C-alpha cells in the first residue's frame, strides 16, 4: 500500500510526533498526526470518508506568541499565513499564563505541515 501524506510526515519527524489510523468498512479511514510540547499542539486529520476532509488544528500558549508571530511571518507557506491572519485579528488576554490561542483550518493537502512542525520545534527551543 502506498504511504499517505501523514504517514510520510510521521516517518520524517519520528518520535517528535505520533500517528494513528483507524480503518473502516469499504476502505474508509481516518488518520491523525499529533505534535505536542509544553507550549503548543498541532493536529492534522485526514478523513477519507469525506465528512471533514483534511484539517489542521493548532494551539499555542499566548505567552509564546511574541516568539511565534515572527516565525509565521518568515514562512512562505499558506498555513502559516492563515494562522498569522488569525492571530492578528485576536485581542490578547489579560492573563497570558493561562491562555492558549487555537484554531482549525481546512487544507487541500499536508504539504505545509512539515514547515509548521519545524516552527513549533523552534518555538519549543525558545
PDB file of N, CA and C in Angstrom:
ATOM      1  N   UNK A   1       0.833  -1.180   0.000  1.00  0.00           N
ATOM      2  CA  UNK A   1       0.000   0.000   0.000  1.00  0.00           C
ATOM      3  C   UNK A   1       0.884   1.253   0.000  1.00  0.00           C
ATOM      4  N   UNK A   2       0.503   2.243  -0.801  1.00  0.00           N
ATOM      5  CA  UNK A   2       1.244   3.498  -0.899  1.00  0.00           C
ATOM      6  C   UNK A   2       1.113   4.298   0.403  1.00  0.00           C
ATOM      7  N   UNK A   3       2.220   4.907   0.839  1.00  0.00           N
ATOM      8  CA  UNK A   3       2.205   5.714   2.058  1.00  0.00           C
ATOM      9  C   UNK A   3       1.371   6.970   1.856  1.00  0.00           C
ATOM     10  N   UNK A   4       0.599   7.341   2.870  1.00  0.00           N
ATOM     11  CA  UNK A   4      -0.177   8.574   2.821  1.00  0.00           C
ATOM     12  C   UNK A   4       0.720   9.753   3.189  1.00  0.00           C
ATOM     13  N   UNK A   5       0.210  10.957   2.958  1.00  0.00           N
ATOM     14  CA  UNK A   5       0.964  12.172   3.311  1.00  0.00           C
ATOM     15  C   UNK A   5       1.319  12.182   4.791  1.00  0.00           C
ATOM     16  N   UNK A   6       0.346  11.858   5.631  1.00  0.00           N
ATOM     17  CA  UNK A   6       0.598  11.909   7.075  1.00  0.00           C
ATOM     18  C   UNK A   6       1.567  10.818   7.518  1.00  0.00           C
ATOM     19  N   UNK A   7       1.521   9.653   6.892  1.00  0.00           N
ATOM     20  CA  UNK A   7       2.488   8.599   7.221  1.00  0.00           C
ATOM     21  C   UNK A   7       3.909   9.051   6.875  1.00  0.00           C
ATOM     22  N   UNK A   8       4.073   9.703   5.727  1.00  0.00           N
ATOM     23  CA  UNK A   8       5.403  10.206   5.326  1.00  0.00           C
ATOM     24  C   UNK A   8       5.916  11.242   6.312  1.00  0.00           C
ATOM     25  N   UNK A   9       5.033  12.142   6.747  1.00  0.00           N
ATOM     26  CA  UNK A   9       5.435  13.177   7.710  1.00  0.00           C
ATOM     27  C   UNK A   9       5.779  12.535   9.053  1.00  0.00           C
ATOM     28  N   UNK A  10       4.989  11.549   9.473  1.00  0.00           N
ATOM     29  CA  UNK A  10       5.276  10.838  10.728  1.00  0.00           C
ATOM     30  C   UNK A  10       6.642  10.165  10.659  1.00  0.00           C
ATOM     31  N   UNK A  11       6.952   9.581   9.528  1.00  0.00           N
ATOM     32  CA  UNK A  11       8.258   8.940   9.345  1.00  0.00           C
ATOM     33  C   UNK A  11       9.388   9.967   9.391  1.00  0.00           C
ATOM     34  N   UNK A  12       9.172  11.127   8.763  1.00  0.00           N
ATOM     35  CA  UNK A  12      10.185  12.192   8.740  1.00  0.00           C
ATOM     36  C   UNK A  12      10.497  12.715  10.141  1.00  0.00           C
ATOM     37  N   UNK A  13       9.469  12.898  10.974  1.00  0.00           N
ATOM     38  CA  UNK A  13       9.666  13.517  12.285  1.00  0.00           C
ATOM     39  C   UNK A  13       9.825  12.511  13.423  1.00  0.00           C
ATOM     40  N   UNK A  14       9.614  11.248  13.149  1.00  0.00           N
ATOM     41  CA  UNK A  14       9.877  10.201  14.133  1.00  0.00           C
ATOM     42  C   UNK A  14       9.185  10.416  15.460  1.00  0.00           C
ATOM     43  N   UNK A  15       9.958  10.398  16.542  1.00  0.00           N
ATOM     44  CA  UNK A  15       9.398  10.453  17.889  1.00  0.00           C
ATOM     45  C   UNK A  15       8.864  11.837  18.274  1.00  0.00           C
ATOM     46  N   UNK A  16       9.067  12.842  17.425  1.00  0.00           N
ATOM     47  CA  UNK A  16       8.518  14.179  17.708  1.00  0.00           C
ATOM     48  C   UNK A  16       7.004  14.230  17.517  1.00  0.00           C
ATOM     49  N   UNK A  17       6.469  13.250  16.790  1.00  0.00           N
ATOM     50  CA  UNK A  17       5.035  13.220  16.502  1.00  0.00           C
ATOM     51  C   UNK A  17       4.481  11.827  16.806  1.00  0.00           C
ATOM     52  N   UNK A  18       3.173  11.746  16.879  1.00  0.00           N
ATOM     53  CA  UNK A  18       2.531  10.434  16.953  1.00  0.00           C
ATOM     54  C   UNK A  18       1.498  10.350  15.837  1.00  0.00           C
ATOM     55  N   UNK A  19       1.271   9.137  15.379  1.00  0.00           N
ATOM     56  CA  UNK A  19       0.408   8.899  14.229  1.00  0.00           C
ATOM     57  C   UNK A  19      -0.583   7.797  14.565  1.00  0.00           C
ATOM     58  N   UNK A  20      -1.844   7.993  14.176  1.00  0.00           N
ATOM     59  CA  UNK A  20      -2.879   6.977  14.387  1.00  0.00           C
ATOM     60  C   UNK A  20      -3.714   6.853  13.127  1.00  0.00           C
ATOM     61  N   UNK A  21      -4.158   5.656  12.853  1.00  0.00           N
ATOM     62  CA  UNK A  21      -5.025   5.406  11.701  1.00  0.00           C
ATOM     63  C   UNK A  21      -6.101   4.410  12.117  1.00  0.00           C
ATOM     64  N   UNK A  22      -7.333   4.731  11.779  1.00  0.00           N
ATOM     65  CA  UNK A  22      -8.457   3.848  12.070  1.00  0.00           C
ATOM     66  C   UNK A  22      -9.109   3.470  10.745  1.00  0.00           C
ATOM     67  N   UNK A  23      -9.221   2.169  10.513  1.00  0.00           N
ATOM     68  CA  UNK A  23      -9.804   1.648   9.260  1.00  0.00           C
ATOM     69  C   UNK A  23     -11.274   1.300   9.478  1.00  0.00           C
ATOM     70  N   UNK A  24     -12.071   1.537   8.453  1.00  0.00           N
ATOM     71  CA  UNK A  24     -13.492   1.225   8.495  1.00  0.00           C
ATOM     72  C   UNK A  24     -13.848   0.332   7.309  1.00  0.00           C
ATOM     73  N   UNK A  25     -15.076  -0.116   7.270  1.00  0.00           N
ATOM     74  CA  UNK A  25     -15.546  -0.941   6.154  1.00  0.00           C
ATOM     75  C   UNK A  25     -15.461  -0.152   4.854  1.00  0.00           C
ATOM     76  N   UNK A  26     -15.410  -0.878   3.763  1.00  0.00           N
ATOM     77  CA  UNK A  26     -15.380  -0.324   2.410  1.00  0.00           C
ATOM     78  C   UNK A  26     -14.144   0.525   2.134  1.00  0.00           C
ATOM     79  N   UNK A  27     -13.079   0.328   2.905  1.00  0.00           N
ATOM     80  CA  UNK A  27     -11.814   1.004   2.635  1.00  0.00           C
ATOM     81  C   UNK A  27     -11.696   2.420   3.169  1.00  0.00           C
ATOM     82  N   UNK A  28     -12.689   2.900   3.917  1.00  0.00           N
ATOM     83  CA  UNK A  28     -12.601   4.233   4.504  1.00  0.00           C
ATOM     84  C   UNK A  28     -11.647   4.229   5.690  1.00  0.00           C
ATOM     85  N   UNK A  29     -11.064   5.383   5.963  1.00  0.00           N
ATOM     86  CA  UNK A  29     -10.154   5.500   7.099  1.00  0.00           C
ATOM     87  C   UNK A  29     -10.143   6.929   7.617  1.00  0.00           C
ATOM     88  N   UNK A  30      -9.688   7.069   8.839  1.00  0.00           N
ATOM     89  CA  UNK A  30      -9.378   8.374   9.421  1.00  0.00           C
ATOM     90  C   UNK A  30      -7.967   8.245   9.966  1.00  0.00           C
ATOM     91  N   UNK A  31      -7.105   9.177   9.597  1.00  0.00           N
ATOM     92  CA  UNK A  31      -5.756   9.164  10.147  1.00  0.00           C
ATOM     93  C   UNK A  31      -5.461  10.521  10.764  1.00  0.00           C
ATOM     94  N   UNK A  32      -4.663  10.496  11.815  1.00  0.00           N
ATOM     95  CA  UNK A  32      -4.314  11.709  12.550  1.00  0.00           C
ATOM     96  C   UNK A  32      -2.822  11.707  12.860  1.00  0.00           C
ATOM     97  N   UNK A  33      -2.257  12.895  12.828  1.00  0.00           N
ATOM     98  CA  UNK A  33      -0.866  13.108  13.220  1.00  0.00           C
ATOM     99  C   UNK A  33      -0.894  14.158  14.320  1.00  0.00           C
ATOM    100  N   UNK A  34      -0.171  13.906  15.416  1.00  0.00           N
ATOM    101  CA  UNK A  34      -0.178  14.812  16.562  1.00  0.00           C
ATOM    102  C   UNK A  34       1.241  15.267  16.878  1.00  0.00           C
ATOM    103  N   UNK A  35       1.377  16.566  17.115  1.00  0.00           N
ATOM    104  CA  UNK A  35       2.623  17.127  17.645  1.00  0.00           C
ATOM    105  C   UNK A  35       2.227  17.841  18.930  1.00  0.00           C
ATOM    106  N   UNK A  36       2.923  17.559  20.036  1.00  0.00           N
ATOM    107  CA  UNK A  36       2.648  18.203  21.321  1.00  0.00           C
ATOM    108  C   UNK A  36       3.950  18.575  22.001  1.00  0.00           C
ATOM    109  N   UNK A  37       3.979  19.759  22.595  1.00  0.00           N
ATOM    110  CA  UNK A  37       5.052  20.106  23.520  1.00  0.00           C
ATOM    111  C   UNK A  37       4.441  20.975  24.613  1.00  0.00           C
ATOM    112  N   UNK A  38       5.244  21.497  25.507  1.00  0.00           N
ATOM    113  CA  UNK A  38       4.717  22.257  26.638  1.00  0.00           C
ATOM    114  C   UNK A  38       4.019  23.549  26.211  1.00  0.00           C
ATOM    115  N   UNK A  39       4.376  24.090  25.030  1.00  0.00           N
ATOM    116  CA  UNK A  39       3.841  25.379  24.599  1.00  0.00           C
ATOM    117  C   UNK A  39       2.859  25.315  23.438  1.00  0.00           C
ATOM    118  N   UNK A  40       2.780  24.188  22.768  1.00  0.00           N
ATOM    119  CA  UNK A  40       1.943  24.166  21.567  1.00  0.00           C
ATOM    120  C   UNK A  40       1.493  22.755  21.209  1.00  0.00           C
ATOM    121  N   UNK A  41       0.537  22.727  20.278  1.00  0.00           N
ATOM    122  CA  UNK A  41      -0.005  21.453  19.801  1.00  0.00           C
ATOM    123  C   UNK A  41      -0.445  21.642  18.351  1.00  0.00           C
ATOM    124  N   UNK A  42      -0.203  20.625  17.538  1.00  0.00           N
ATOM    125  CA  UNK A  42      -0.703  20.585  16.170  1.00  0.00           C
ATOM    126  C   UNK A  42      -1.387  19.238  15.986  1.00  0.00           C
ATOM    127  N   UNK A  43      -2.551  19.254  15.360  1.00  0.00           N
ATOM    128  CA  UNK A  43      -3.237  18.025  14.988  1.00  0.00           C
ATOM    129  C   UNK A  43      -3.579  18.122  13.513  1.00  0.00           C
ATOM    130  N   UNK A  44      -3.202  17.114  12.753  1.00  0.00           N
ATOM    131  CA  UNK A  44      -3.590  17.025  11.342  1.00  0.00           C
ATOM    132  C   UNK A  44      -4.477  15.805  11.204  1.00  0.00           C
ATOM    133  N   UNK A  45      -5.589  15.970  10.525  1.00  0.00           N
ATOM    134  CA  UNK A  45      -6.573  14.891  10.416  1.00  0.00           C
ATOM    135  C   UNK A  45      -6.996  14.736   8.963  1.00  0.00           C
ATOM    136  N   UNK A  46      -6.996  13.520   8.488  1.00  0.00           N
ATOM    137  CA  UNK A  46      -7.469  13.236   7.137  1.00  0.00           C
ATOM    138  C   UNK A  46      -8.592  12.229   7.243  1.00  0.00           C
ATOM    139  N   UNK A  47      -9.736  12.613   6.747  1.00  0.00           N
ATOM    140  CA  UNK A  47     -10.951  11.814   6.829  1.00  0.00           C
ATOM    141  C   UNK A  47     -11.308  11.361   5.419  1.00  0.00           C
ATOM    142  N   UNK A  48     -10.987  10.152   5.055  1.00  0.00           N
ATOM    143  CA  UNK A  48     -11.245   9.668   3.697  1.00  0.00           C
ATOM    144  C   UNK A  48     -12.726   9.505   3.408  1.00  0.00           C
ATOM    145  N   UNK A  49     -13.528   9.493   4.449  1.00  0.00           N
ATOM    146  CA  UNK A  49     -14.971   9.356   4.285  1.00  0.00           C
ATOM    147  C   UNK A  49     -15.534  10.621   3.642  1.00  0.00           C
ATOM    148  N   UNK A  50     -14.864  11.744   3.857  1.00  0.00           N
ATOM    149  CA  UNK A  50     -15.302  12.994   3.262  1.00  0.00           C
ATOM    150  C   UNK A  50     -16.129  13.855   4.193  1.00  0.00           C
ATOM    151  N   UNK A  51     -16.324  13.417   5.424  1.00  0.00           N
ATOM    152  CA  UNK A  51     -17.111  14.193   6.370  1.00  0.00           C
ATOM    153  C   UNK A  51     -16.439  15.514   6.696  1.00  0.00           C
ATOM    154  N   UNK A  52     -15.151  15.446   7.000  1.00  0.00           N
ATOM    155  CA  UNK A  52     -14.412  16.654   7.366  1.00  0.00           C
ATOM    156  C   UNK A  52     -13.273  16.958   6.401  1.00  0.00           C
ATOM    157  N   UNK A  53     -12.844  16.024   5.620  1.00  0.00           N
ATOM    158  CA  UNK A  53     -11.721  16.243   4.709  1.00  0.00           C
ATOM    159  C   UNK A  53     -10.417  16.355   5.468  1.00  0.00           C
ATOM    160  N   UNK A  54      -9.536  17.175   4.962  1.00  0.00           N
ATOM    161  CA  UNK A  54      -8.224  17.382   5.585  1.00  0.00           C
ATOM    162  C   UNK A  54      -8.273  18.654   6.425  1.00  0.00           C
ATOM    163  N   UNK A  55      -7.787  18.541   7.652  1.00  0.00           N
ATOM    164  CA  UNK A  55      -7.897  19.627   8.605  1.00  0.00           C
ATOM    165  C   UNK A  55      -6.622  19.711   9.433  1.00  0.00           C
ATOM    166  N   UNK A  56      -6.157  20.935   9.674  1.00  0.00           N
ATOM    167  CA  UNK A  56      -5.031  21.168  10.577  1.00  0.00           C
ATOM    168  C   UNK A  56      -5.528  22.052  11.715  1.00  0.00           C
ATOM    169  N   UNK A  57      -5.291  21.613  12.944  1.00  0.00           N
ATOM    170  CA  UNK A  57      -5.633  22.388  14.139  1.00  0.00           C
ATOM    171  C   UNK A  57      -4.338  22.732  14.857  1.00  0.00           C
ATOM    172  N   UNK A  58      -4.313  23.885  15.482  1.00  0.00           N
ATOM    173  CA  UNK A  58      -3.117  24.293  16.223  1.00  0.00           C
ATOM    174  C   UNK A  58      -3.529  24.935  17.537  1.00  0.00           C
ATOM    175  N   UNK A  59      -2.595  24.943  18.468  1.00  0.00           N
ATOM    176  CA  UNK A  59      -2.801  25.583  19.753  1.00  0.00           C
ATOM    177  C   UNK A  59      -1.434  26.070  20.226  1.00  0.00           C
ATOM    178  N   UNK A  60      -1.366  27.317  20.690  1.00  0.00           N
ATOM    179  CA  UNK A  60      -0.109  27.907  21.152  1.00  0.00           C
ATOM    180  C   UNK A  60      -0.383  28.698  22.427  1.00  0.00           C
ATOM    181  N   UNK A  61       0.494  28.574  23.415  1.00  0.00           N
ATOM    182  CA  UNK A  61       0.383  29.411  24.614  1.00  0.00           C
ATOM    183  C   UNK A  61       0.558  30.862  24.210  1.00  0.00           C
ATOM    184  N   UNK A  62      -0.326  31.702  24.703  1.00  0.00           N
ATOM    185  CA  UNK A  62      -0.267  33.119  24.341  1.00  0.00           C
ATOM    186  C   UNK A  62       1.059  33.754  24.747  1.00  0.00           C
ATOM    187  N   UNK A  63       1.659  33.281  25.836  1.00  0.00           N
ATOM    188  CA  UNK A  63       2.938  33.854  26.270  1.00  0.00           C
ATOM    189  C   UNK A  63       4.049  33.606  25.254  1.00  0.00           C
ATOM    190  N   UNK A  64       3.828  32.668  24.310  1.00  0.00           N
ATOM    191  CA  UNK A  64       4.814  32.377  23.265  1.00  0.00           C
ATOM    192  C   UNK A  64       4.516  33.104  21.942  1.00  0.00           C
ATOM    193  N   UNK A  65       3.415  33.850  21.876  1.00  0.00           N
ATOM    194  CA  UNK A  65       3.040  34.491  20.619  1.00  0.00           C
ATOM    195  C   UNK A  65       4.101  35.451  20.095  1.00  0.00           C
ATOM    196  N   UNK A  66       4.753  36.202  20.972  1.00  0.00           N
ATOM    197  CA  UNK A  66       5.776  37.154  20.510  1.00  0.00           C
ATOM    198  C   UNK A  66       6.939  36.440  19.822  1.00  0.00           C
ATOM    199  N   UNK A  67       7.192  35.207  20.184  1.00  0.00           N
ATOM    200  CA  UNK A  67       8.215  34.407  19.500  1.00  0.00           C
ATOM    201  C   UNK A  67       7.656  33.730  18.253  1.00  0.00           C
ATOM    202  N   UNK A  68       6.390  33.365  18.298  1.00  0.00           N
ATOM    203  CA  UNK A  68       5.758  32.595  17.233  1.00  0.00           C
ATOM    204  C   UNK A  68       5.415  33.444  16.007  1.00  0.00           C
ATOM    205  N   UNK A  69       4.917  34.654  16.224  1.00  0.00           N
ATOM    206  CA  UNK A  69       4.494  35.502  15.112  1.00  0.00           C
ATOM    207  C   UNK A  69       5.599  35.785  14.099  1.00  0.00           C
ATOM    208  N   UNK A  70       6.836  36.109  14.523  1.00  0.00           N
ATOM    209  CA  UNK A  70       7.895  36.319  13.523  1.00  0.00           C
ATOM    210  C   UNK A  70       8.198  35.054  12.704  1.00  0.00           C
ATOM    211  N   UNK A  71       8.087  33.882  13.323  1.00  0.00           N
ATOM    212  CA  UNK A  71       8.291  32.634  12.579  1.00  0.00           C
ATOM    213  C   UNK A  71       7.217  32.464  11.507  1.00  0.00           C
ATOM    214  N   UNK A  72       5.985  32.797  11.855  1.00  0.00           N
ATOM    215  CA  UNK A  72       4.893  32.705  10.878  1.00  0.00           C
ATOM    216  C   UNK A  72       5.108  33.667   9.721  1.00  0.00           C
ATOM    217  N   UNK A  73       5.512  34.891  10.043  1.00  0.00           N
ATOM    218  CA  UNK A  73       5.715  35.905   9.005  1.00  0.00           C
ATOM    219  C   UNK A  73       6.862  35.526   8.066  1.00  0.00           C
ATOM    220  N   UNK A  74       7.869  34.858   8.603  1.00  0.00           N
ATOM    221  CA  UNK A  74       9.027  34.447   7.805  1.00  0.00           C
ATOM    222  C   UNK A  74       8.694  33.285   6.867  1.00  0.00           C
ATOM    223  N   UNK A  75       7.716  32.499   7.225  1.00  0.00           N
ATOM    224  CA  UNK A  75       7.351  31.323   6.445  1.00  0.00           C
ATOM    225  C   UNK A  75       6.656  31.722   5.150  1.00  0.00           C
ATOM    226  N   UNK A  76       6.870  30.946   4.123  1.00  0.00           N
ATOM    227  CA  UNK A  76       6.229  31.180   2.825  1.00  0.00           C
ATOM    228  C   UNK A  76       5.006  30.284   2.623  1.00  0.00           C
ATOM    229  N   UNK A  77       4.622  29.523   3.642  1.00  0.00           N
ATOM    230  CA  UNK A  77       3.546  28.547   3.475  1.00  0.00           C
ATOM    231  C   UNK A  77       2.175  29.188   3.676  1.00  0.00           C
ATOM    232  N   UNK A  78       1.195  28.609   3.019  1.00  0.00           N
ATOM    233  CA  UNK A  78      -0.187  29.095   3.121  1.00  0.00           C
ATOM    234  C   UNK A  78      -0.731  28.932   4.537  1.00  0.00           C
ATOM    235  N   UNK A  79      -0.454  27.803   5.170  1.00  0.00           N
ATOM    236  CA  UNK A  79      -0.987  27.572   6.520  1.00  0.00           C
ATOM    237  C   UNK A  79      -0.418  28.595   7.510  1.00  0.00           C
ATOM    238  N   UNK A  80       0.849  28.956   7.373  1.00  0.00           N
ATOM    239  CA  UNK A  80       1.451  29.971   8.258  1.00  0.00           C
ATOM    240  C   UNK A  80       0.784  31.325   8.044  1.00  0.00           C
ATOM    241  N   UNK A  81       0.498  31.675   6.790  1.00  0.00           N
ATOM    242  CA  UNK A  81      -0.191  32.948   6.519  1.00  0.00           C
ATOM    243  C   UNK A  81      -1.597  32.947   7.121  1.00  0.00           C
ATOM    244  N   UNK A  82      -2.292  31.805   7.028  1.00  0.00           N
ATOM    245  CA  UNK A  82      -3.636  31.696   7.617  1.00  0.00           C
ATOM    246  C   UNK A  82      -3.586  31.871   9.138  1.00  0.00           C
ATOM    247  N   UNK A  83      -2.654  31.202   9.788  1.00  0.00           N
ATOM    248  CA  UNK A  83      -2.529  31.302  11.244  1.00  0.00           C
ATOM    249  C   UNK A  83      -2.138  32.719  11.639  1.00  0.00           C
ATOM    250  N   UNK A  84      -1.220  33.333  10.890  1.00  0.00           N
ATOM    251  CA  UNK A  84      -0.798  34.706  11.169  1.00  0.00           C
ATOM    252  C   UNK A  84      -1.990  35.663  11.072  1.00  0.00           C
ATOM    253  N   UNK A  85      -2.806  35.518  10.028  1.00  0.00           N
ATOM    254  CA  UNK A  85      -4.005  36.363   9.897  1.00  0.00           C
ATOM    255  C   UNK A  85      -4.951  36.133  11.068  1.00  0.00           C
ATOM    256  N   UNK A  86      -5.101  34.882  11.448  1.00  0.00           N
ATOM    257  CA  UNK A  86      -5.986  34.551  12.556  1.00  0.00           C
ATOM    258  C   UNK A  86      -5.495  35.199  13.851  1.00  0.00           C
ATOM    259  N   UNK A  87      -4.201  35.091  14.145  1.00  0.00           N
ATOM    260  CA  UNK A  87      -3.638  35.688  15.353  1.00  0.00           C
ATOM    261  C   UNK A  87      -3.727  37.204  15.336  1.00  0.00           C
ATOM    262  N   UNK A  88      -3.511  37.795  14.180  1.00  0.00           N
ATOM    263  CA  UNK A  88      -3.514  39.257  14.067  1.00  0.00           C
ATOM    264  C   UNK A  88      -4.877  39.854  14.402  1.00  0.00           C
ATOM    265  N   UNK A  89      -5.928  39.079  14.235  1.00  0.00           N
ATOM    266  CA  UNK A  89      -7.281  39.576  14.485  1.00  0.00           C
ATOM    267  C   UNK A  89      -7.782  39.282  15.891  1.00  0.00           C
ATOM    268  N   UNK A  90      -6.928  38.731  16.745  1.00  0.00           N
ATOM    269  CA  UNK A  90      -7.368  38.367  18.097  1.00  0.00           C
ATOM    270  C   UNK A  90      -6.806  39.337  19.136  1.00  0.00           C
ATOM    271  N   UNK A  91      -7.637  39.710  20.098  1.00  0.00           N
ATOM    272  CA  UNK A  91      -7.100  40.512  21.213  1.00  0.00           C
ATOM    273  C   UNK A  91      -6.281  39.619  22.147  1.00  0.00           C
ATOM    274  N   UNK A  92      -5.327  40.215  22.807  1.00  0.00           N
ATOM    275  CA  UNK A  92      -4.539  39.473  23.799  1.00  0.00           C
ATOM    276  C   UNK A  92      -5.302  39.407  25.113  1.00  0.00           C
ATOM    277  N   UNK A  93      -5.108  38.318  25.841  1.00  0.00           N
ATOM    278  CA  UNK A  93      -5.810  38.169  27.116  1.00  0.00           C
ATOM    279  C   UNK A  93      -5.077  38.953  28.202  1.00  0.00           C
ATOM    280  N   UNK A  94      -5.762  39.137  29.318  1.00  0.00           N
ATOM    281  CA  UNK A  94      -5.167  39.848  30.450  1.00  0.00           C
ATOM    282  C   UNK A  94      -4.263  38.938  31.267  1.00  0.00           C
ATOM    283  N   UNK A  95      -4.416  37.619  31.103  1.00  0.00           N
ATOM    284  CA  UNK A  95      -3.617  36.655  31.855  1.00  0.00           C
ATOM    285  C   UNK A  95      -3.028  35.625  30.883  1.00  0.00           C
ATOM    286  N   UNK A  96      -1.930  35.996  30.169  1.00  0.00           N
ATOM    287  CA  UNK A  96      -1.378  35.081  29.168  1.00  0.00           C
ATOM    288  C   UNK A  96      -0.796  33.793  29.734  1.00  0.00           C
ATOM    289  N   UNK A  97      -0.586  33.714  31.028  1.00  0.00           N
ATOM    290  CA  UNK A  97      -0.046  32.490  31.621  1.00  0.00           C
ATOM    291  C   UNK A  97      -1.030  31.323  31.498  1.00  0.00           C
ATOM    292  N   UNK A  98      -2.312  31.625  31.378  1.00  0.00           N
ATOM    293  CA  UNK A  98      -3.313  30.569  31.354  1.00  0.00           C
ATOM    294  C   UNK A  98      -4.087  30.521  30.041  1.00  0.00           C
ATOM    295  N   UNK A  99      -3.651  31.215  29.031  1.00  0.00           N
ATOM    296  CA  UNK A  99      -4.426  31.348  27.805  1.00  0.00           C
ATOM    297  C   UNK A  99      -3.739  30.658  26.646  1.00  0.00           C
ATOM    298  N   UNK A 100      -4.500  29.911  25.889  1.00  0.00           N
ATOM    299  CA  UNK A 100      -3.984  29.284  24.677  1.00  0.00           C
ATOM    300  C   UNK A 100      -4.750  29.832  23.487  1.00  0.00           C
ATOM    301  N   UNK A 101      -4.035  30.117  22.413  1.00  0.00           N
ATOM    302  CA  UNK A 101      -4.642  30.570  21.180  1.00  0.00           C
ATOM    303  C   UNK A 101      -4.749  29.356  20.275  1.00  0.00           C
ATOM    304  N   UNK A 102      -5.883  29.166  19.631  1.00  0.00           N
ATOM    305  CA  UNK A 102      -6.065  27.959  18.831  1.00  0.00           C
ATOM    306  C   UNK A 102      -6.958  28.246  17.630  1.00  0.00           C
ATOM    307  N   UNK A 103      -6.940  27.328  16.688  1.00  0.00           N
ATOM    308  CA  UNK A 103      -7.784  27.440  15.511  1.00  0.00           C
ATOM    309  C   UNK A 103      -7.710  26.186  14.672  1.00  0.00           C
ATOM    310  N   UNK A 104      -8.574  26.114  13.668  1.00  0.00           N
ATOM    311  CA  UNK A 104      -8.646  24.983  12.742  1.00  0.00           C
ATOM    312  C   UNK A 104      -8.697  25.527  11.319  1.00  0.00           C
ATOM    313  N   UNK A 105      -8.027  24.840  10.408  1.00  0.00           N
ATOM    314  CA  UNK A 105      -8.047  25.235   9.016  1.00  0.00           C
ATOM    315  C   UNK A 105      -8.205  24.018   8.120  1.00  0.00           C
ATOM    316  N   UNK A 106      -9.188  24.045   7.220  1.00  0.00           N
ATOM    317  CA  UNK A 106      -9.235  23.002   6.201  1.00  0.00           C
ATOM    318  C   UNK A 106      -8.079  23.224   5.225  1.00  0.00           C
ATOM    319  N   UNK A 107      -7.473  22.156   4.752  1.00  0.00           N
ATOM    320  CA  UNK A 107      -6.354  22.259   3.812  1.00  0.00           C
ATOM    321  C   UNK A 107      -6.592  21.315   2.632  1.00  0.00           C
ATOM    322  N   UNK A 108      -5.990  21.651   1.482  1.00  0.00           N
ATOM    323  CA  UNK A 108      -6.079  20.770   0.308  1.00  0.00           C
ATOM    324  C   UNK A 108      -5.186  19.560   0.462  1.00  0.00           C
ATOM    325  N   UNK A 109      -3.999  19.810   1.069  1.00  0.00           N
ATOM    326  CA  UNK A 109      -3.018  18.746   1.283  1.00  0.00           C
ATOM    327  C   UNK A 109      -2.189  19.119   2.510  1.00  0.00           C
ATOM    328  N   UNK A 110      -1.272  18.252   2.867  1.00  0.00           N
ATOM    329  CA  UNK A 110      -0.453  18.484   4.063  1.00  0.00           C
ATOM    330  C   UNK A 110       0.970  18.909   3.700  1.00  0.00           C
ATOM    331  N   UNK A 111       1.137  19.500   2.535  1.00  0.00           N
ATOM    332  CA  UNK A 111       2.440  19.926   2.060  1.00  0.00           C
ATOM    333  C   UNK A 111       3.127  20.916   3.015  1.00  0.00           C
ATOM    334  N   UNK A 112       2.356  21.799   3.647  1.00  0.00           N
ATOM    335  CA  UNK A 112       2.910  22.814   4.551  1.00  0.00           C
ATOM    336  C   UNK A 112       3.120  22.318   5.975  1.00  0.00           C
ATOM    337  N   UNK A 113       2.598  21.152   6.289  1.00  0.00           N
ATOM    338  CA  UNK A 113       2.646  20.651   7.668  1.00  0.00           C
ATOM    339  C   UNK A 113       4.071  20.472   8.203  1.00  0.00           C
ATOM    340  N   UNK A 114       5.022  19.919   7.440  1.00  0.00           N
ATOM    341  CA  UNK A 114       6.380  19.799   7.979  1.00  0.00           C
ATOM    342  C   UNK A 114       6.987  21.148   8.388  1.00  0.00           C
ATOM    343  N   UNK A 115       6.728  22.189   7.596  1.00  0.00           N
ATOM    344  CA  UNK A 115       7.237  23.516   7.937  1.00  0.00           C
ATOM    345  C   UNK A 115       6.601  24.019   9.236  1.00  0.00           C
ATOM    346  N   UNK A 116       5.312  23.780   9.403  1.00  0.00           N
ATOM    347  CA  UNK A 116       4.630  24.192  10.624  1.00  0.00           C
ATOM    348  C   UNK A 116       5.182  23.445  11.845  1.00  0.00           C
ATOM    349  N   UNK A 117       5.443  22.164  11.699  1.00  0.00           N
ATOM    350  CA  UNK A 117       6.026  21.391  12.802  1.00  0.00           C
ATOM    351  C   UNK A 117       7.417  21.925  13.135  1.00  0.00           C
ATOM    352  N   UNK A 118       8.213  22.236  12.118  1.00  0.00           N
ATOM    353  CA  UNK A 118       9.556  22.801  12.372  1.00  0.00           C
ATOM    354  C   UNK A 118       9.459  24.127  13.128  1.00  0.00           C
ATOM    355  N   UNK A 119       8.465  24.957  12.791  1.00  0.00           N
ATOM    356  CA  UNK A 119       8.270  26.215  13.518  1.00  0.00           C
ATOM    357  C   UNK A 119       7.965  25.945  14.984  1.00  0.00           C
ATOM    358  N   UNK A 120       7.134  24.947  15.235  1.00  0.00           N
ATOM    359  CA  UNK A 120       6.789  24.620  16.621  1.00  0.00           C
ATOM    360  C   UNK A 120       7.995  24.040  17.359  1.00  0.00           C
ATOM    361  N   UNK A 121       8.816  23.295  16.666  1.00  0.00           N
ATOM    362  CA  UNK A 121      10.049  22.789  17.290  1.00  0.00           C
ATOM    363  C   UNK A 121      10.990  23.945  17.631  1.00  0.00           C
ATOM    364  N   UNK A 122      11.067  24.932  16.751  1.00  0.00           N
ATOM    365  CA  UNK A 122      11.900  26.105  17.008  1.00  0.00           C
ATOM    366  C   UNK A 122      11.338  26.901  18.182  1.00  0.00           C
ATOM    367  N   UNK A 123      10.023  27.019  18.248  1.00  0.00           N
ATOM    368  CA  UNK A 123       9.363  27.710  19.343  1.00  0.00           C
ATOM    369  C   UNK A 123       9.629  26.996  20.663  1.00  0.00           C
ATOM    370  N   UNK A 124       9.644  25.683  20.610  1.00  0.00           N
ATOM    371  CA  UNK A 124       9.901  24.864  21.800  1.00  0.00           C
ATOM    372  C   UNK A 124      11.276  25.177  22.400  1.00  0.00           C
ATOM    373  N   UNK A 125      12.257  25.395  21.511  1.00  0.00           N
ATOM    374  CA  UNK A 125      13.629  25.643  21.960  1.00  0.00           C
ATOM    375  C   UNK A 125      13.829  27.061  22.470  1.00  0.00           C
ATOM    376  N   UNK A 126      12.877  27.954  22.156  1.00  0.00           N
ATOM    377  CA  UNK A 126      12.976  29.353  22.541  1.00  0.00           C
ATOM    378  C   UNK A 126      12.876  29.527  24.041  1.00  0.00           C
TER     379      UNK A 126
END
